[in-house]
């Protein structure tokens, strides 16, 4: 199964990503659920959390060579945003 790819993303606060996928659906993803995993502990730092980029092709969001989130993770575990006018 092919999951929608990431079209664009932004941070809305110190713990939430809002992702627009290539199928036009918008989801929110709260990264606090990852904080217990040692490799994601840097995401607790607001400046680092905001420093991501969307990988070319939309397959993942990348912070550095060790920290990334796939389009699958963001799509499957994100929460649908009904009114995205102010988000993206």
C-alpha atoms as a PDB file:
ATOM      1  CA  UNK A   1       0.000   0.000   0.000  1.00  0.00           C
ATOM      2  CA  UNK A   2       1.251   3.476  -0.844  1.00  0.00           C
ATOM      3  CA  UNK A   3       0.828   6.107   1.824  1.00  0.00           C
ATOM      4  CA  UNK A   4       0.377   9.761   0.892  1.00  0.00           C
ATOM      5  CA  UNK A   5       3.644  11.669   0.711  1.00  0.00           C
ATOM      6  CA  UNK A   6       4.411  14.802   2.656  1.00  0.00           C
ATOM      7  CA  UNK A   7       3.716  17.925   0.632  1.00  0.00           C
ATOM      8  CA  UNK A   8       4.668  20.427   3.340  1.00  0.00           C
ATOM      9  CA  UNK A   9       4.899  20.662   7.094  1.00  0.00           C
ATOM     10  CA  UNK A  10       5.215  23.232   9.826  1.00  0.00           C
ATOM     11  CA  UNK A  11       5.492  23.492  13.583  1.00  0.00           C
ATOM     12  CA  UNK A  12       2.542  25.054  15.414  1.00  0.00           C
ATOM     13  CA  UNK A  13       4.030  24.965  18.923  1.00  0.00           C
ATOM     14  CA  UNK A  14       6.916  23.227  20.693  1.00  0.00           C
ATOM     15  CA  UNK A  15       5.424  19.734  20.336  1.00  0.00           C
ATOM     16  CA  UNK A  16       3.171  19.645  17.269  1.00  0.00           C
ATOM     17  CA  UNK A  17       3.808  19.194  13.565  1.00  0.00           C
ATOM     18  CA  UNK A  18       1.087  19.927  11.020  1.00  0.00           C
ATOM     19  CA  UNK A  19       1.569  18.001   7.806  1.00  0.00           C
ATOM     20  CA  UNK A  20      -0.170  18.491   4.475  1.00  0.00           C
ATOM     21  CA  UNK A  21       0.008  15.366   2.357  1.00  0.00           C
ATOM     22  CA  UNK A  22      -0.042  15.108  -1.414  1.00  0.00           C
ATOM     23  CA  UNK A  23      -3.683  13.926  -1.285  1.00  0.00           C
ATOM     24  CA  UNK A  24      -4.558  17.330   0.295  1.00  0.00           C
ATOM     25  CA  UNK A  25      -5.336  15.826   3.721  1.00  0.00           C
ATOM     26  CA  UNK A  26      -3.897  17.643   6.732  1.00  0.00           C
ATOM     27  CA  UNK A  27      -2.899  15.933   9.978  1.00  0.00           C
ATOM     28  CA  UNK A  28      -1.378  16.966  13.305  1.00  0.00           C
ATOM     29  CA  UNK A  29       1.330  14.890  14.945  1.00  0.00           C
ATOM     30  CA  UNK A  30       2.321  15.337  18.601  1.00  0.00           C
ATOM     31  CA  UNK A  31       5.963  14.359  19.059  1.00  0.00           C
ATOM     32  CA  UNK A  32       5.682  14.054  22.861  1.00  0.00           C
ATOM     33  CA  UNK A  33       4.769  10.389  22.402  1.00  0.00           C
ATOM     34  CA  UNK A  34       8.333   9.835  21.139  1.00  0.00           C
ATOM     35  CA  UNK A  35      10.185  11.557  23.973  1.00  0.00           C
ATOM     36  CA  UNK A  36      10.645   8.303  25.922  1.00  0.00           C
ATOM     37  CA  UNK A  37      12.742   6.924  23.046  1.00  0.00           C
ATOM     38  CA  UNK A  38      16.372   8.036  23.568  1.00  0.00           C
ATOM     39  CA  UNK A  39      17.068   8.848  19.900  1.00  0.00           C
ATOM     40  CA  UNK A  40      14.158  11.353  19.895  1.00  0.00           C
ATOM     41  CA  UNK A  41      15.109  13.147  23.140  1.00  0.00           C
ATOM     42  CA  UNK A  42      16.611  16.111  21.226  1.00  0.00           C
ATOM     43  CA  UNK A  43      13.109  16.910  19.967  1.00  0.00           C
ATOM     44  CA  UNK A  44      12.350  18.240  23.472  1.00  0.00           C
ATOM     45  CA  UNK A  45      14.487  21.270  22.569  1.00  0.00           C
ATOM     46  CA  UNK A  46      12.208  23.771  20.766  1.00  0.00           C
ATOM     47  CA  UNK A  47      14.925  25.199  18.514  1.00  0.00           C
ATOM     48  CA  UNK A  48      16.013  21.727  17.392  1.00  0.00           C
ATOM     49  CA  UNK A  49      12.424  20.552  16.917  1.00  0.00           C
ATOM     50  CA  UNK A  50      11.735  23.506  14.609  1.00  0.00           C
ATOM     51  CA  UNK A  51      14.846  22.822  12.493  1.00  0.00           C
ATOM     52  CA  UNK A  52      13.435  19.957  10.389  1.00  0.00           C
ATOM     53  CA  UNK A  53      13.152  19.708   6.632  1.00  0.00           C
ATOM     54  CA  UNK A  54      10.908  17.640   4.384  1.00  0.00           C
ATOM     55  CA  UNK A  55      12.968  15.091   2.453  1.00  0.00           C
ATOM     56  CA  UNK A  56      12.822  15.440  -1.314  1.00  0.00           C
ATOM     57  CA  UNK A  57      10.048  13.193  -2.561  1.00  0.00           C
ATOM     58  CA  UNK A  58       8.029  13.610   0.649  1.00  0.00           C
ATOM     59  CA  UNK A  59       8.962  10.295   2.232  1.00  0.00           C
ATOM     60  CA  UNK A  60      10.043  11.706   5.593  1.00  0.00           C
ATOM     61  CA  UNK A  61      10.734  14.667   7.820  1.00  0.00           C
ATOM     62  CA  UNK A  62      14.400  14.900   8.794  1.00  0.00           C
ATOM     63  CA  UNK A  63      16.129  16.659  11.687  1.00  0.00           C
ATOM     64  CA  UNK A  64      19.571  15.090  11.308  1.00  0.00           C
ATOM     65  CA  UNK A  65      21.122  11.823  10.118  1.00  0.00           C
ATOM     66  CA  UNK A  66      19.770   9.984  13.159  1.00  0.00           C
ATOM     67  CA  UNK A  67      16.342  11.576  13.686  1.00  0.00           C
ATOM     68  CA  UNK A  68      13.527  11.392  11.150  1.00  0.00           C
ATOM     69  CA  UNK A  69       9.855  10.459  10.847  1.00  0.00           C
ATOM     70  CA  UNK A  70       8.450   8.613   7.853  1.00  0.00           C
ATOM     71  CA  UNK A  71       5.348   9.556   5.916  1.00  0.00           C
ATOM     72  CA  UNK A  72       3.857   6.271   7.200  1.00  0.00           C
ATOM     73  CA  UNK A  73       4.313   7.245  10.859  1.00  0.00           C
ATOM     74  CA  UNK A  74       2.909  10.732  10.324  1.00  0.00           C
ATOM     75  CA  UNK A  75      -0.040   9.496   8.239  1.00  0.00           C
ATOM     76  CA  UNK A  76      -0.943   6.489  10.381  1.00  0.00           C
ATOM     77  CA  UNK A  77      -0.603   8.130  13.798  1.00  0.00           C
ATOM     78  CA  UNK A  78      -1.422  11.736  12.983  1.00  0.00           C
ATOM     79  CA  UNK A  79      -4.787  13.266  13.850  1.00  0.00           C
ATOM     80  CA  UNK A  80      -6.953  14.628  11.046  1.00  0.00           C
ATOM     81  CA  UNK A  81      -7.278  18.410  11.039  1.00  0.00           C
ATOM     82  CA  UNK A  82     -10.728  19.519   9.939  1.00  0.00           C
ATOM     83  CA  UNK A  83     -10.056  23.243   9.510  1.00  0.00           C
ATOM     84  CA  UNK A  84      -6.497  23.819   8.309  1.00  0.00           C
ATOM     85  CA  UNK A  85      -6.930  27.424   7.157  1.00  0.00           C
ATOM     86  CA  UNK A  86      -4.796  28.798   9.974  1.00  0.00           C
ATOM     87  CA  UNK A  87      -2.358  25.900  10.053  1.00  0.00           C
ATOM     88  CA  UNK A  88      -0.677  25.767   6.628  1.00  0.00           C
END
